[in-house]
C-alpha atoms as a PDB file:
ATOM      1  CA  MET A   1      -2.934 -26.407  -2.765  1.00  0.00           C
ATOM      2  CA  ASP A   2      -5.020 -29.286  -1.477  1.00  0.00           C
ATOM      3  CA  LEU A   3      -2.592 -29.703   1.461  1.00  0.00           C
ATOM      4  CA  LEU A   4      -2.995 -26.029   2.316  1.00  0.00           C
ATOM      5  CA  LEU A   5      -6.831 -26.218   2.208  1.00  0.00           C
ATOM      6  CA  ASP A   6      -6.835 -29.322   4.390  1.00  0.00           C
ATOM      7  CA  TRP A   7      -4.462 -27.624   6.861  1.00  0.00           C
ATOM      8  CA  CYS A   8      -6.738 -24.614   7.134  1.00  0.00           C
ATOM      9  CA  ARG A   9      -9.839 -26.771   7.629  1.00  0.00           C
ATOM     10  CA  ALA A  10      -8.091 -28.741  10.319  1.00  0.00           C
ATOM     11  CA  ARG A  11      -7.615 -25.502  12.325  1.00  0.00           C
ATOM     12  CA  CYS A  12     -11.351 -24.722  12.398  1.00  0.00           C
ATOM     13  CA  GLN A  13     -13.687 -25.912  15.090  1.00  0.00           C
ATOM     14  CA  PRO A  14     -17.500 -25.776  15.238  1.00  0.00           C
ATOM     15  CA  GLY A  15     -18.769 -22.705  17.073  1.00  0.00           C
ATOM     16  CA  ARG A  16     -15.379 -20.905  16.962  1.00  0.00           C
ATOM     17  CA  CYS A  17     -14.038 -18.191  14.753  1.00  0.00           C
ATOM     18  CA  THR A  18     -10.583 -19.260  13.821  1.00  0.00           C
ATOM     19  CA  VAL A  19      -7.887 -16.745  12.863  1.00  0.00           C
ATOM     20  CA  ILE A  20      -4.992 -17.866  10.716  1.00  0.00           C
ATOM     21  CA  GLY A  21      -2.045 -15.574   9.897  1.00  0.00           C
ATOM     22  CA  LEU A  22      -0.479 -15.347   6.455  1.00  0.00           C
ATOM     23  CA  HIS A  23       3.049 -13.942   6.295  1.00  0.00           C
ATOM     24  CA  GLY A  24       4.799 -13.261   3.064  1.00  0.00           C
ATOM     25  CA  PRO A  25       6.983 -10.548   1.565  1.00  0.00           C
ATOM     26  CA  GLN A  26       5.668  -7.782  -0.660  1.00  0.00           C
ATOM     27  CA  GLY A  27       4.676  -9.070  -4.051  1.00  0.00           C
ATOM     28  CA  ALA A  28       4.549 -12.733  -2.952  1.00  0.00           C
ATOM     29  CA  GLY A  29       0.783 -13.022  -3.659  1.00  0.00           C
ATOM     30  CA  LYS A  30      -0.594 -12.855  -0.139  1.00  0.00           C
ATOM     31  CA  SER A  31      -3.819 -11.029  -1.173  1.00  0.00           C
ATOM     32  CA  THR A  32      -4.332 -13.287  -4.124  1.00  0.00           C
ATOM     33  CA  LEU A  33      -3.897 -16.421  -1.970  1.00  0.00           C
ATOM     34  CA  ALA A  34      -6.158 -15.033   0.759  1.00  0.00           C
ATOM     35  CA  ALA A  35      -8.851 -14.324  -1.809  1.00  0.00           C
ATOM     36  CA  HIS A  36      -8.574 -17.826  -3.196  1.00  0.00           C
ATOM     37  CA  LEU A  37      -8.983 -19.278   0.303  1.00  0.00           C
ATOM     38  CA  VAL A  38     -12.145 -17.310   0.768  1.00  0.00           C
ATOM     39  CA  THR A  39     -13.684 -19.102  -2.205  1.00  0.00           C
ATOM     40  CA  ALA A  40     -11.981 -22.460  -1.945  1.00  0.00           C
ATOM     41  CA  LEU A  41     -12.884 -23.064   1.723  1.00  0.00           C
ATOM     42  CA  ALA A  42     -16.635 -22.611   1.234  1.00  0.00           C
ATOM     43  CA  PRO A  43     -19.087 -23.378   2.818  1.00  0.00           C
ATOM     44  CA  LEU A  44     -16.932 -22.033   5.650  1.00  0.00           C
ATOM     45  CA  ARG A  45     -17.579 -18.328   5.983  1.00  0.00           C
ATOM     46  CA  VAL A  46     -14.095 -16.940   5.441  1.00  0.00           C
ATOM     47  CA  VAL A  47     -13.028 -13.288   5.738  1.00  0.00           C
ATOM     48  CA  ALA A  48      -9.677 -12.005   4.364  1.00  0.00           C
ATOM     49  CA  ILE A  49      -8.090  -9.055   6.128  1.00  0.00           C
ATOM     50  CA  SER A  50      -4.792  -7.224   5.380  1.00  0.00           C
ATOM     51  CA  ILE A  51      -2.810  -5.438   8.017  1.00  0.00           C
ATOM     52  CA  ASP A  52      -2.600  -2.692   5.409  1.00  0.00           C
ATOM     53  CA  ASP A  53      -6.195  -1.817   6.352  1.00  0.00           C
ATOM     54  CA  PHE A  54      -4.889  -1.012   9.837  1.00  0.00           C
ATOM     55  CA  TYR A  55      -2.470   1.675   8.755  1.00  0.00           C
ATOM     56  CA  LEU A  56      -2.542   4.945  10.725  1.00  0.00           C
ATOM     57  CA  SER A  57      -4.793   7.670   9.529  1.00  0.00           C
ATOM     58  CA  ASN A  58      -3.066  10.225   7.370  1.00  0.00           C
ATOM     59  CA  ALA A  59      -3.074  12.735  10.174  1.00  0.00           C
ATOM     60  CA  ASP A  60      -1.453  10.255  12.541  1.00  0.00           C
ATOM     61  CA  GLN A  61       1.001   9.171   9.918  1.00  0.00           C
ATOM     62  CA  CYS A  62       2.060  12.789   9.462  1.00  0.00           C
ATOM     63  CA  VAL A  63       2.673  13.143  13.199  1.00  0.00           C
ATOM     64  CA  LEU A  64       4.826   9.985  13.138  1.00  0.00           C
ATOM     65  CA  ALA A  65       6.763  11.222  10.113  1.00  0.00           C
ATOM     66  CA  ALA A  66       7.589  14.389  11.983  1.00  0.00           C
ATOM     67  CA  SER A  67       9.841  12.246  14.256  1.00  0.00           C
ATOM     68  CA  ASN A  68      12.187  12.276  11.209  1.00  0.00           C
ATOM     69  CA  HIS A  69      12.903   8.530  11.503  1.00  0.00           C
ATOM     70  CA  PRO A  70      13.871   7.527   7.963  1.00  0.00           C
ATOM     71  CA  LEU A  71      11.710   4.403   8.031  1.00  0.00           C
ATOM     72  CA  TRP A  72       8.571   6.201   9.212  1.00  0.00           C
ATOM     73  CA  GLN A  73       8.377   8.839   6.539  1.00  0.00           C
ATOM     74  CA  ALA A  74       5.851   6.618   4.707  1.00  0.00           C
ATOM     75  CA  ARG A  75       3.536   3.740   5.716  1.00  0.00           C
ATOM     76  CA  GLY A  76       4.861   0.191   5.798  1.00  0.00           C
ATOM     77  CA  TYR A  77       7.172  -0.485   8.705  1.00  0.00           C
ATOM     78  CA  PRO A  78       6.098  -1.545  12.199  1.00  0.00           C
ATOM     79  CA  GLY A  79       4.929   1.620  13.989  1.00  0.00           C
ATOM     80  CA  THR A  80       2.795   2.786  11.025  1.00  0.00           C
ATOM     81  CA  HIS A  81      -0.192   0.603  11.887  1.00  0.00           C
ATOM     82  CA  ASP A  82      -3.007   1.173  14.420  1.00  0.00           C
ATOM     83  CA  VAL A  83      -2.414  -2.007  16.401  1.00  0.00           C
ATOM     84  CA  ASP A  84      -5.364  -1.301  18.823  1.00  0.00           C
ATOM     85  CA  LEU A  85      -7.749  -0.981  15.913  1.00  0.00           C
ATOM     86  CA  GLY A  86      -6.586  -4.282  14.545  1.00  0.00           C
ATOM     87  CA  THR A  87      -6.825  -5.967  17.932  1.00  0.00           C
ATOM     88  CA  ARG A  88     -10.417  -4.772  18.475  1.00  0.00           C
ATOM     89  CA  THR A  89     -11.367  -5.873  15.047  1.00  0.00           C
ATOM     90  CA  LEU A  90     -10.032  -9.398  15.560  1.00  0.00           C
ATOM     91  CA  ASN A  91     -11.505  -9.651  19.026  1.00  0.00           C
ATOM     92  CA  ASN A  92     -14.947  -8.718  17.717  1.00  0.00           C
ATOM     93  CA  LEU A  93     -14.709 -11.329  14.943  1.00  0.00           C
ATOM     94  CA  LYS A  94     -13.538 -14.036  17.359  1.00  0.00           C
ATOM     95  CA  GLU A  95     -16.431 -13.265  19.654  1.00  0.00           C
ATOM     96  CA  ARG A  96     -18.642 -13.822  16.532  1.00  0.00           C
ATOM     97  CA  ARG A  97     -20.120 -10.273  16.704  1.00  0.00           C
ATOM     98  CA  PRO A  98     -21.156  -8.277  13.665  1.00  0.00           C
ATOM     99  CA  THR A  99     -17.923  -6.385  12.836  1.00  0.00           C
ATOM    100  CA  HIS A 100     -17.122  -3.552  10.442  1.00  0.00           C
ATOM    101  CA  ILE A 101     -13.775  -4.181   8.743  1.00  0.00           C
ATOM    102  CA  PRO A 102     -11.539  -1.132   8.276  1.00  0.00           C
ATOM    103  CA  ARG A 103     -10.485  -0.183   4.749  1.00  0.00           C
ATOM    104  CA  TYR A 104      -7.518   1.909   3.675  1.00  0.00           C
ATOM    105  CA  ASP A 105      -7.284   4.101   0.603  1.00  0.00           C
ATOM    106  CA  LYS A 106      -3.627   3.977  -0.645  1.00  0.00           C
ATOM    107  CA  GLY A 107      -4.377   6.619  -3.274  1.00  0.00           C
ATOM    108  CA  ALA A 108      -5.603   9.335  -0.909  1.00  0.00           C
ATOM    109  CA  PHE A 109      -3.553  12.489  -0.361  1.00  0.00           C
ATOM    110  CA  GLY A 110      -1.612  12.011  -3.589  1.00  0.00           C
ATOM    111  CA  GLY A 111      -0.519   8.480  -2.700  1.00  0.00           C
ATOM    112  CA  GLN A 112       0.286   9.190   0.960  1.00  0.00           C
ATOM    113  CA  GLY A 113      -2.913   7.200   1.819  1.00  0.00           C
ATOM    114  CA  ASP A 114      -5.610   7.543   4.425  1.00  0.00           C
ATOM    115  CA  ARG A 115      -8.215   5.426   6.081  1.00  0.00           C
ATOM    116  CA  HIS A 116     -11.638   5.234   4.467  1.00  0.00           C
ATOM    117  CA  PRO A 117     -14.384   6.798   6.664  1.00  0.00           C
ATOM    118  CA  SER A 118     -15.928   4.210   8.958  1.00  0.00           C
ATOM    119  CA  SER A 119     -19.234   4.572   7.111  1.00  0.00           C
ATOM    120  CA  ALA A 120     -17.594   2.837   4.148  1.00  0.00           C
ATOM    121  CA  TRP A 121     -16.308  -0.169   6.041  1.00  0.00           C
ATOM    122  CA  PRO A 122     -17.935  -3.418   5.001  1.00  0.00           C
ATOM    123  CA  LEU A 123     -19.874  -5.307   7.670  1.00  0.00           C
ATOM    124  CA  VAL A 124     -19.150  -8.955   8.502  1.00  0.00           C
ATOM    125  CA  GLU A 125     -22.079 -10.497  10.376  1.00  0.00           C
ATOM    126  CA  GLU A 126     -20.231 -13.621  11.434  1.00  0.00           C
ATOM    127  CA  ALA A 127     -17.173 -15.558  10.366  1.00  0.00           C
ATOM    128  CA  ASP A 128     -15.937 -19.065  10.773  1.00  0.00           C
ATOM    129  CA  LEU A 129     -12.399 -18.294   9.689  1.00  0.00           C
ATOM    130  CA  VAL A 130     -10.319 -15.123   9.304  1.00  0.00           C
ATOM    131  CA  ILE A 131      -7.216 -14.858   7.197  1.00  0.00           C
ATOM    132  CA  LEU A 132      -5.036 -12.090   8.448  1.00  0.00           C
ATOM    133  CA  GLU A 133      -2.187 -11.314   6.006  1.00  0.00           C
ATOM    134  CA  GLY A 134       0.760  -9.031   6.228  1.00  0.00           C
ATOM    135  CA  TRP A 135       4.412  -8.694   5.313  1.00  0.00           C
ATOM    136  CA  CYS A 136       5.614  -8.162   8.866  1.00  0.00           C
ATOM    137  CA  LEU A 137       3.069 -10.541  10.545  1.00  0.00           C
ATOM    138  CA  GLY A 138       5.096 -12.950  12.609  1.00  0.00           C
ATOM    139  CA  PHE A 139       8.168 -10.816  13.125  1.00  0.00           C
ATOM    140  CA  VAL A 140       9.227 -10.492  16.713  1.00  0.00           C
ATOM    141  CA  PRO A 141      11.469  -7.820  18.339  1.00  0.00           C
ATOM    142  CA  LEU A 142      15.227  -8.406  18.427  1.00  0.00           C
ATOM    143  CA  GLU A 143      17.193  -7.925  21.640  1.00  0.00           C
ATOM    144  CA  GLU A 144      19.925  -6.044  19.735  1.00  0.00           C
ATOM    145  CA  PRO A 145      18.514  -4.633  16.517  1.00  0.00           C
ATOM    146  CA  PRO A 146      20.601  -2.743  13.949  1.00  0.00           C
ATOM    147  CA  PRO A 147      20.542   0.966  14.781  1.00  0.00           C
ATOM    148  CA  LEU A 148      18.308   1.764  11.755  1.00  0.00           C
ATOM    149  CA  LEU A 149      15.657  -0.615  13.009  1.00  0.00           C
ATOM    150  CA  GLU A 150      15.590   0.448  16.655  1.00  0.00           C
ATOM    151  CA  GLY A 151      12.348   2.420  16.368  1.00  0.00           C
ATOM    152  CA  PRO A 152      10.418  -0.117  14.329  1.00  0.00           C
ATOM    153  CA  ASN A 153      11.840  -2.928  16.486  1.00  0.00           C
ATOM    154  CA  ASP A 154      10.457  -1.223  19.644  1.00  0.00           C
ATOM    155  CA  ALA A 155       7.112  -0.669  17.907  1.00  0.00           C
ATOM    156  CA  LEU A 156       6.979  -4.330  16.938  1.00  0.00           C
ATOM    157  CA  ARG A 157       6.502  -5.297  20.561  1.00  0.00           C
ATOM    158  CA  ALA A 158       2.897  -4.103  20.370  1.00  0.00           C
ATOM    159  CA  TYR A 159       2.227  -6.366  17.415  1.00  0.00           C
ATOM    160  CA  GLY A 160       2.387  -9.377  19.708  1.00  0.00           C
ATOM    161  CA  ALA A 161      -1.314  -8.599  20.475  1.00  0.00           C
ATOM    162  CA  TRP A 162      -2.082  -9.780  16.953  1.00  0.00           C
ATOM    163  CA  LEU A 163      -0.055 -12.968  17.205  1.00  0.00           C
ATOM    164  CA  GLU A 164      -1.955 -13.804  20.415  1.00  0.00           C
ATOM    165  CA  GLN A 165      -5.136 -13.887  18.314  1.00  0.00           C
ATOM    166  CA  LEU A 166      -3.787 -16.476  15.877  1.00  0.00           C
ATOM    167  CA  HIS A 167      -4.653 -20.278  15.773  1.00  0.00           C
ATOM    168  CA  GLY A 168      -2.013 -20.916  13.092  1.00  0.00           C
ATOM    169  CA  LEU A 169       0.487 -19.232  10.761  1.00  0.00           C
ATOM    170  CA  ILE A 170       1.194 -19.743   7.078  1.00  0.00           C
ATOM    171  CA  LEU A 171       4.650 -18.564   5.912  1.00  0.00           C
ATOM    172  CA  LEU A 172       5.356 -17.782   2.231  1.00  0.00           C
ATOM    173  CA  LYS A 173       9.046 -17.806   1.455  1.00  0.00           C
ATOM    174  CA  ALA A 174      10.644 -15.994  -1.526  1.00  0.00           C
ATOM    175  CA  PRO A 175      13.497 -17.778  -3.343  1.00  0.00           C
ATOM    176  CA  ALA A 176      15.829 -14.801  -2.574  1.00  0.00           C
ATOM    177  CA  LEU A 177      15.645 -11.264  -1.207  1.00  0.00           C
ATOM    178  CA  ALA A 178      16.348  -9.850  -4.571  1.00  0.00           C
ATOM    179  CA  GLN A 179      13.156 -11.556  -5.829  1.00  0.00           C
ATOM    180  CA  ILE A 180      11.094  -9.479  -3.384  1.00  0.00           C
ATOM    181  CA  VAL A 181      12.332  -6.306  -5.059  1.00  0.00           C
ATOM    182  CA  ALA A 182      11.608  -7.785  -8.519  1.00  0.00           C
ATOM    183  CA  TRP A 183       8.102  -8.794  -7.480  1.00  0.00           C
ATOM    184  CA  ARG A 184       7.319  -5.359  -6.123  1.00  0.00           C
ATOM    185  CA  MET A 185       8.556  -3.644  -9.299  1.00  0.00           C
ATOM    186  CA  GLU A 186       6.547  -6.037 -11.375  1.00  0.00           C
ATOM    187  CA  ALA A 187       3.382  -5.097  -9.522  1.00  0.00           C
ATOM    188  CA  GLU A 188       4.059  -1.445 -10.031  1.00  0.00           C
ATOM    189  CA  ARG A 189       4.558  -1.949 -13.731  1.00  0.00           C
ATOM    190  CA  GLU A 190       1.242  -3.705 -13.900  1.00  0.00           C
ATOM    191  CA  CYS A 191      -0.421  -0.682 -12.322  1.00  0.00           C
ATOM    192  CA  ARG A 192       1.093   1.554 -14.931  1.00  0.00           C
ATOM    193  CA  ARG A 193      -0.064  -0.781 -17.683  1.00  0.00           C
ATOM    194  CA  ARG A 194      -3.632  -0.433 -16.411  1.00  0.00           C
ATOM    195  CA  GLY A 195      -3.293   3.369 -16.343  1.00  0.00           C
ATOM    196  CA  GLU A 196      -3.353   3.565 -12.552  1.00  0.00           C
ATOM    197  CA  GLY A 197      -1.152   5.829 -10.474  1.00  0.00           C
ATOM    198  CA  ALA A 198       2.193   4.210  -9.914  1.00  0.00           C
ATOM    199  CA  MET A 199       5.724   4.985  -8.867  1.00  0.00           C
ATOM    200  CA  SER A 200       8.517   5.337 -11.336  1.00  0.00           C
ATOM    201  CA  GLU A 201      10.939   2.502 -11.807  1.00  0.00           C
ATOM    202  CA  GLU A 202      13.557   4.300  -9.746  1.00  0.00           C
ATOM    203  CA  ASP A 203      11.222   5.307  -6.943  1.00  0.00           C
ATOM    204  CA  CYS A 204       9.743   1.795  -6.836  1.00  0.00           C
ATOM    205  CA  ARG A 205      13.151   0.170  -6.642  1.00  0.00           C
ATOM    206  CA  SER A 206      14.185   2.530  -3.834  1.00  0.00           C
ATOM    207  CA  TYR A 207      10.935   1.904  -1.904  1.00  0.00           C
ATOM    208  CA  ALA A 208      11.228  -1.879  -2.260  1.00  0.00           C
ATOM    209  CA  GLU A 209      14.863  -1.906  -1.235  1.00  0.00           C
ATOM    210  CA  SER A 210      14.074   0.111   1.897  1.00  0.00           C
ATOM    211  CA  PHE A 211      12.442  -3.020   3.323  1.00  0.00           C
ATOM    212  CA  LEU A 212      15.420  -5.278   2.830  1.00  0.00           C
ATOM    213  CA  PRO A 213      16.987  -4.407   6.225  1.00  0.00           C
ATOM    214  CA  ALA A 214      13.770  -5.614   7.855  1.00  0.00           C
ATOM    215  CA  TYR A 215      13.915  -8.970   6.037  1.00  0.00           C
ATOM    216  CA  GLU A 216      17.578  -9.417   6.774  1.00  0.00           C
ATOM    217  CA  ALA A 217      16.946  -8.742  10.479  1.00  0.00           C
ATOM    218  CA  TRP A 218      13.678 -10.444  11.290  1.00  0.00           C
ATOM    219  CA  LEU A 219      13.225 -13.266   8.724  1.00  0.00           C
ATOM    220  CA  PRO A 220      15.921 -15.646  10.208  1.00  0.00           C
ATOM    221  CA  GLY A 221      14.172 -15.729  13.567  1.00  0.00           C
ATOM    222  CA  LEU A 222      10.729 -16.187  11.931  1.00  0.00           C
ATOM    223  CA  TRP A 223      11.802 -19.195   9.940  1.00  0.00           C
ATOM    224  CA  ALA A 224      13.902 -20.722  12.776  1.00  0.00           C
ATOM    225  CA  ARG A 225      11.143 -20.396  15.384  1.00  0.00           C
ATOM    226  CA  PRO A 226       7.710 -19.162  14.269  1.00  0.00           C
ATOM    227  CA  PRO A 227       6.010 -17.365  17.165  1.00  0.00           C
ATOM    228  CA  VAL A 228       2.734 -19.181  16.459  1.00  0.00           C
ATOM    229  CA  GLN A 229       2.072 -22.939  16.314  1.00  0.00           C
ATOM    230  CA  PRO A 230       1.069 -24.711  14.224  1.00  0.00           C
ATOM    231  CA  ALA A 231       2.964 -23.130  11.306  1.00  0.00           C
ATOM    232  CA  LEU A 232       2.950 -24.178   7.641  1.00  0.00           C
ATOM    233  CA  ALA A 233       5.922 -23.173   5.434  1.00  0.00           C
ATOM    234  CA  ILE A 234       5.455 -22.705   1.672  1.00  0.00           C
ATOM    235  CA  GLU A 235       8.546 -22.101  -0.435  1.00  0.00           C
ATOM    236  CA  LEU A 236       7.777 -20.268  -3.710  1.00  0.00           C
ATOM    237  CA  ASP A 237       9.667 -20.147  -6.992  1.00  0.00           C
ATOM    238  CA  GLU A 238      10.204 -16.964  -9.025  1.00  0.00           C
ATOM    239  CA  GLN A 239       6.688 -17.299 -10.532  1.00  0.00           C
ATOM    240  CA  ARG A 240       5.166 -17.687  -7.086  1.00  0.00           C
ATOM    241  CA  ARG A 241       4.409 -21.376  -7.625  1.00  0.00           C
ATOM    242  CA  PHE A 242       4.349 -23.668  -4.606  1.00  0.00           C
ATOM    243  CA  MET A 243       7.620 -25.651  -4.620  1.00  0.00           C
ATOM    244  CA  LYS A 244       7.558 -27.139  -1.137  1.00  0.00           C
ATOM    245  CA  VAL A 245       4.928 -27.183   1.600  1.00  0.00           C
ATOM    246  CA  GLU A 246       5.707 -28.485   5.070  1.00  0.00           C
ATOM    247  CA  ASP A 247       4.862 -28.035   8.768  1.00  0.00           C
ATOM    248  CA  ILE A 248       7.486 -26.322  10.976  1.00  0.00           C
ATOM    249  CA  LEU A 249       7.472 -28.398  14.080  1.00  0.00           C
ATOM    250  CA  LEU A 250       9.245 -27.010  17.151  1.00  0.00           C
ATOM    251  CA  GLU A 251      10.805 -29.184  19.810  1.00  0.00           C
ATOM    252  CA  ASP A 252       9.810 -28.420  23.362  1.00  0.00           C
END
């Protein structure tokens, strides 16, 4: 963890708002790690933002779902985010202007989700460092995607506007794709244990497995050639413990 903290501090410069991306599969602990960095990097003023907070409004998601694309029937895949909203938010933070951070309510509309009204968005007066985390952050479009991914792959081109904002990228790597499904189901069980709304075991497994084609298609390129430099790779074990931390250095 000390190496990670030092790496983040090294990206920061006086008088600049630095933006570091944090990629990791669902259930890998991105939000937990980002929250830890907010505290551990003090006295730097650190803000953690999830791309989940840039999901389309419920009304816009319903319009997208009407396209009948199987991967756009629910939020999650590229194409279900308001990329322009995210870009404006990051731009404002980088220019060190007071910025309201969007927030998304995943429980609205019976679990379909919706954006909180802008009056409820927290205000950040100024930030030294922004941690932007997301499961598909860092994925880049394929020239020949599998037919199922053609729509999301085309939508992914717009997400390059977020990558252009980054001064570095942290990559969390699961030990296996099957572990991603297990982590997601574990999180849902914890929600049920706390008495919160949660999917059934069967529905959760189906939902988690629906993202496996994305990982199979886009992860190899991300790990072979991260689209942002510098990039720090962190390999996790099944308990999400750091097993290996190293820089990914690309040759010119």
